[in-house]
């Protein structure tokens, strides 16, 4: 049973290690560029990519507004049904 676990875990760990290495290399390749303007443009490009990844999702105002409208309609229906209750018949 231990050999079966080793057979599957070793290739999985190897694939994980290989897939994470290029991401780190992309971030560090700018410092090896000799020309200063090209190196700075590389850094700016990386900053833009990171900012795009970190950008929060836009707020979902349309769904919030729709849910508020639906809640208001439900409240109106409840109020109408309450007012039709005979009090003291």
C-alpha atoms as a PDB file:
ATOM      1  CA  UNK A   1       0.000   0.000   0.000  1.00  0.00           C
ATOM      2  CA  UNK A   2       2.909   2.360   0.728  1.00  0.00           C
ATOM      3  CA  UNK A   3       4.365   1.826  -2.725  1.00  0.00           C
ATOM      4  CA  UNK A   4       1.037   2.694  -4.356  1.00  0.00           C
ATOM      5  CA  UNK A   5       0.895   5.929  -2.409  1.00  0.00           C
ATOM      6  CA  UNK A   6       4.471   6.704  -3.391  1.00  0.00           C
ATOM      7  CA  UNK A   7       3.733   5.961  -7.053  1.00  0.00           C
ATOM      8  CA  UNK A   8       0.969   8.560  -7.144  1.00  0.00           C
ATOM      9  CA  UNK A   9       2.308  11.199  -4.787  1.00  0.00           C
ATOM     10  CA  UNK A  10       5.775  11.508  -6.302  1.00  0.00           C
ATOM     11  CA  UNK A  11       4.583  12.398  -9.836  1.00  0.00           C
ATOM     12  CA  UNK A  12       1.975  14.759  -8.403  1.00  0.00           C
ATOM     13  CA  UNK A  13       4.578  16.614  -6.354  1.00  0.00           C
ATOM     14  CA  UNK A  14       6.926  16.719  -9.331  1.00  0.00           C
ATOM     15  CA  UNK A  15       4.216  18.194 -11.554  1.00  0.00           C
ATOM     16  CA  UNK A  16       3.407  20.781  -8.893  1.00  0.00           C
ATOM     17  CA  UNK A  17       7.047  21.795  -8.578  1.00  0.00           C
ATOM     18  CA  UNK A  18       7.425  22.158 -12.337  1.00  0.00           C
ATOM     19  CA  UNK A  19       4.244  24.199 -12.723  1.00  0.00           C
ATOM     20  CA  UNK A  20       5.164  26.712  -9.993  1.00  0.00           C
ATOM     21  CA  UNK A  21       8.714  27.343 -11.212  1.00  0.00           C
ATOM     22  CA  UNK A  22       7.795  29.345 -14.371  1.00  0.00           C
ATOM     23  CA  UNK A  23       5.593  31.716 -12.375  1.00  0.00           C
ATOM     24  CA  UNK A  24       8.516  32.670 -10.158  1.00  0.00           C
ATOM     25  CA  UNK A  25      10.792  33.011 -13.174  1.00  0.00           C
ATOM     26  CA  UNK A  26       8.416  35.442 -14.864  1.00  0.00           C
ATOM     27  CA  UNK A  27       8.590  37.786 -11.881  1.00  0.00           C
ATOM     28  CA  UNK A  28      12.382  37.737 -11.712  1.00  0.00           C
ATOM     29  CA  UNK A  29      13.335  37.986 -15.372  1.00  0.00           C
ATOM     30  CA  UNK A  30      13.292  41.808 -15.459  1.00  0.00           C
ATOM     31  CA  UNK A  31      16.379  42.212 -13.301  1.00  0.00           C
ATOM     32  CA  UNK A  32      18.521  40.460 -15.909  1.00  0.00           C
ATOM     33  CA  UNK A  33      17.715  43.001 -18.636  1.00  0.00           C
ATOM     34  CA  UNK A  34      20.781  45.218 -19.100  1.00  0.00           C
ATOM     35  CA  UNK A  35      19.169  48.276 -20.735  1.00  0.00           C
ATOM     36  CA  UNK A  36      17.576  50.465 -18.076  1.00  0.00           C
ATOM     37  CA  UNK A  37      14.541  51.686 -20.128  1.00  0.00           C
ATOM     38  CA  UNK A  38      13.646  48.144 -21.156  1.00  0.00           C
ATOM     39  CA  UNK A  39      14.062  46.887 -17.599  1.00  0.00           C
ATOM     40  CA  UNK A  40      11.823  49.660 -16.239  1.00  0.00           C
ATOM     41  CA  UNK A  41       9.158  48.960 -18.855  1.00  0.00           C
ATOM     42  CA  UNK A  42       9.328  45.285 -17.881  1.00  0.00           C
ATOM     43  CA  UNK A  43       8.760  46.207 -14.231  1.00  0.00           C
ATOM     44  CA  UNK A  44       5.825  48.459 -15.192  1.00  0.00           C
ATOM     45  CA  UNK A  45       4.330  45.651 -17.238  1.00  0.00           C
ATOM     46  CA  UNK A  46       4.626  43.263 -14.286  1.00  0.00           C
ATOM     47  CA  UNK A  47       3.020  45.820 -11.964  1.00  0.00           C
ATOM     48  CA  UNK A  48       0.099  46.190 -14.362  1.00  0.00           C
ATOM     49  CA  UNK A  49      -0.369  42.423 -14.513  1.00  0.00           C
ATOM     50  CA  UNK A  50      -0.278  42.109 -10.729  1.00  0.00           C
ATOM     51  CA  UNK A  51      -2.712  44.995 -10.324  1.00  0.00           C
ATOM     52  CA  UNK A  52      -5.098  43.330 -12.766  1.00  0.00           C
ATOM     53  CA  UNK A  53      -4.909  40.070 -10.790  1.00  0.00           C
ATOM     54  CA  UNK A  54      -5.476  41.824  -7.464  1.00  0.00           C
ATOM     55  CA  UNK A  55      -8.308  44.009  -8.740  1.00  0.00           C
ATOM     56  CA  UNK A  56     -11.442  43.254  -6.715  1.00  0.00           C
ATOM     57  CA  UNK A  57     -14.578  42.109  -8.447  1.00  0.00           C
ATOM     58  CA  UNK A  58     -17.026  44.904  -9.284  1.00  0.00           C
ATOM     59  CA  UNK A  59     -19.875  45.284  -6.810  1.00  0.00           C
ATOM     60  CA  UNK A  60     -23.083  43.527  -7.754  1.00  0.00           C
ATOM     61  CA  UNK A  61     -25.412  46.492  -7.364  1.00  0.00           C
ATOM     62  CA  UNK A  62     -27.881  45.295  -9.976  1.00  0.00           C
ATOM     63  CA  UNK A  63     -28.613  42.086  -8.110  1.00  0.00           C
ATOM     64  CA  UNK A  64     -28.824  43.963  -4.814  1.00  0.00           C
ATOM     65  CA  UNK A  65     -31.291  46.431  -6.279  1.00  0.00           C
ATOM     66  CA  UNK A  66     -33.369  43.619  -7.749  1.00  0.00           C
ATOM     67  CA  UNK A  67     -33.444  41.765  -4.443  1.00  0.00           C
ATOM     68  CA  UNK A  68     -34.516  44.937  -2.628  1.00  0.00           C
ATOM     69  CA  UNK A  69     -37.336  45.441  -5.111  1.00  0.00           C
ATOM     70  CA  UNK A  70     -38.448  41.846  -4.633  1.00  0.00           C
ATOM     71  CA  UNK A  71     -38.379  42.231  -0.842  1.00  0.00           C
ATOM     72  CA  UNK A  72     -40.452  45.406  -1.106  1.00  0.00           C
ATOM     73  CA  UNK A  73     -43.044  43.619  -3.249  1.00  0.00           C
ATOM     74  CA  UNK A  74     -43.201  40.774  -0.750  1.00  0.00           C
ATOM     75  CA  UNK A  75     -43.619  43.250   2.117  1.00  0.00           C
ATOM     76  CA  UNK A  76     -46.441  45.012   0.273  1.00  0.00           C
ATOM     77  CA  UNK A  77     -48.218  41.694  -0.252  1.00  0.00           C
ATOM     78  CA  UNK A  78     -47.896  40.863   3.457  1.00  0.00           C
ATOM     79  CA  UNK A  79     -49.199  44.292   4.497  1.00  0.00           C
ATOM     80  CA  UNK A  80     -52.211  43.938   2.166  1.00  0.00           C
ATOM     81  CA  UNK A  81     -53.032  40.525   3.586  1.00  0.00           C
ATOM     82  CA  UNK A  82     -52.711  41.820   7.153  1.00  0.00           C
ATOM     83  CA  UNK A  83     -55.048  44.751   6.467  1.00  0.00           C
ATOM     84  CA  UNK A  84     -57.720  42.365   5.133  1.00  0.00           C
ATOM     85  CA  UNK A  85     -57.862  40.392   8.385  1.00  0.00           C
ATOM     86  CA  UNK A  86     -61.158  40.992  10.148  1.00  0.00           C
ATOM     87  CA  UNK A  87     -60.432  42.362  13.615  1.00  0.00           C
ATOM     88  CA  UNK A  88     -63.362  42.011  15.904  1.00  0.00           C
ATOM     89  CA  UNK A  89     -65.862  40.253  13.610  1.00  0.00           C
END
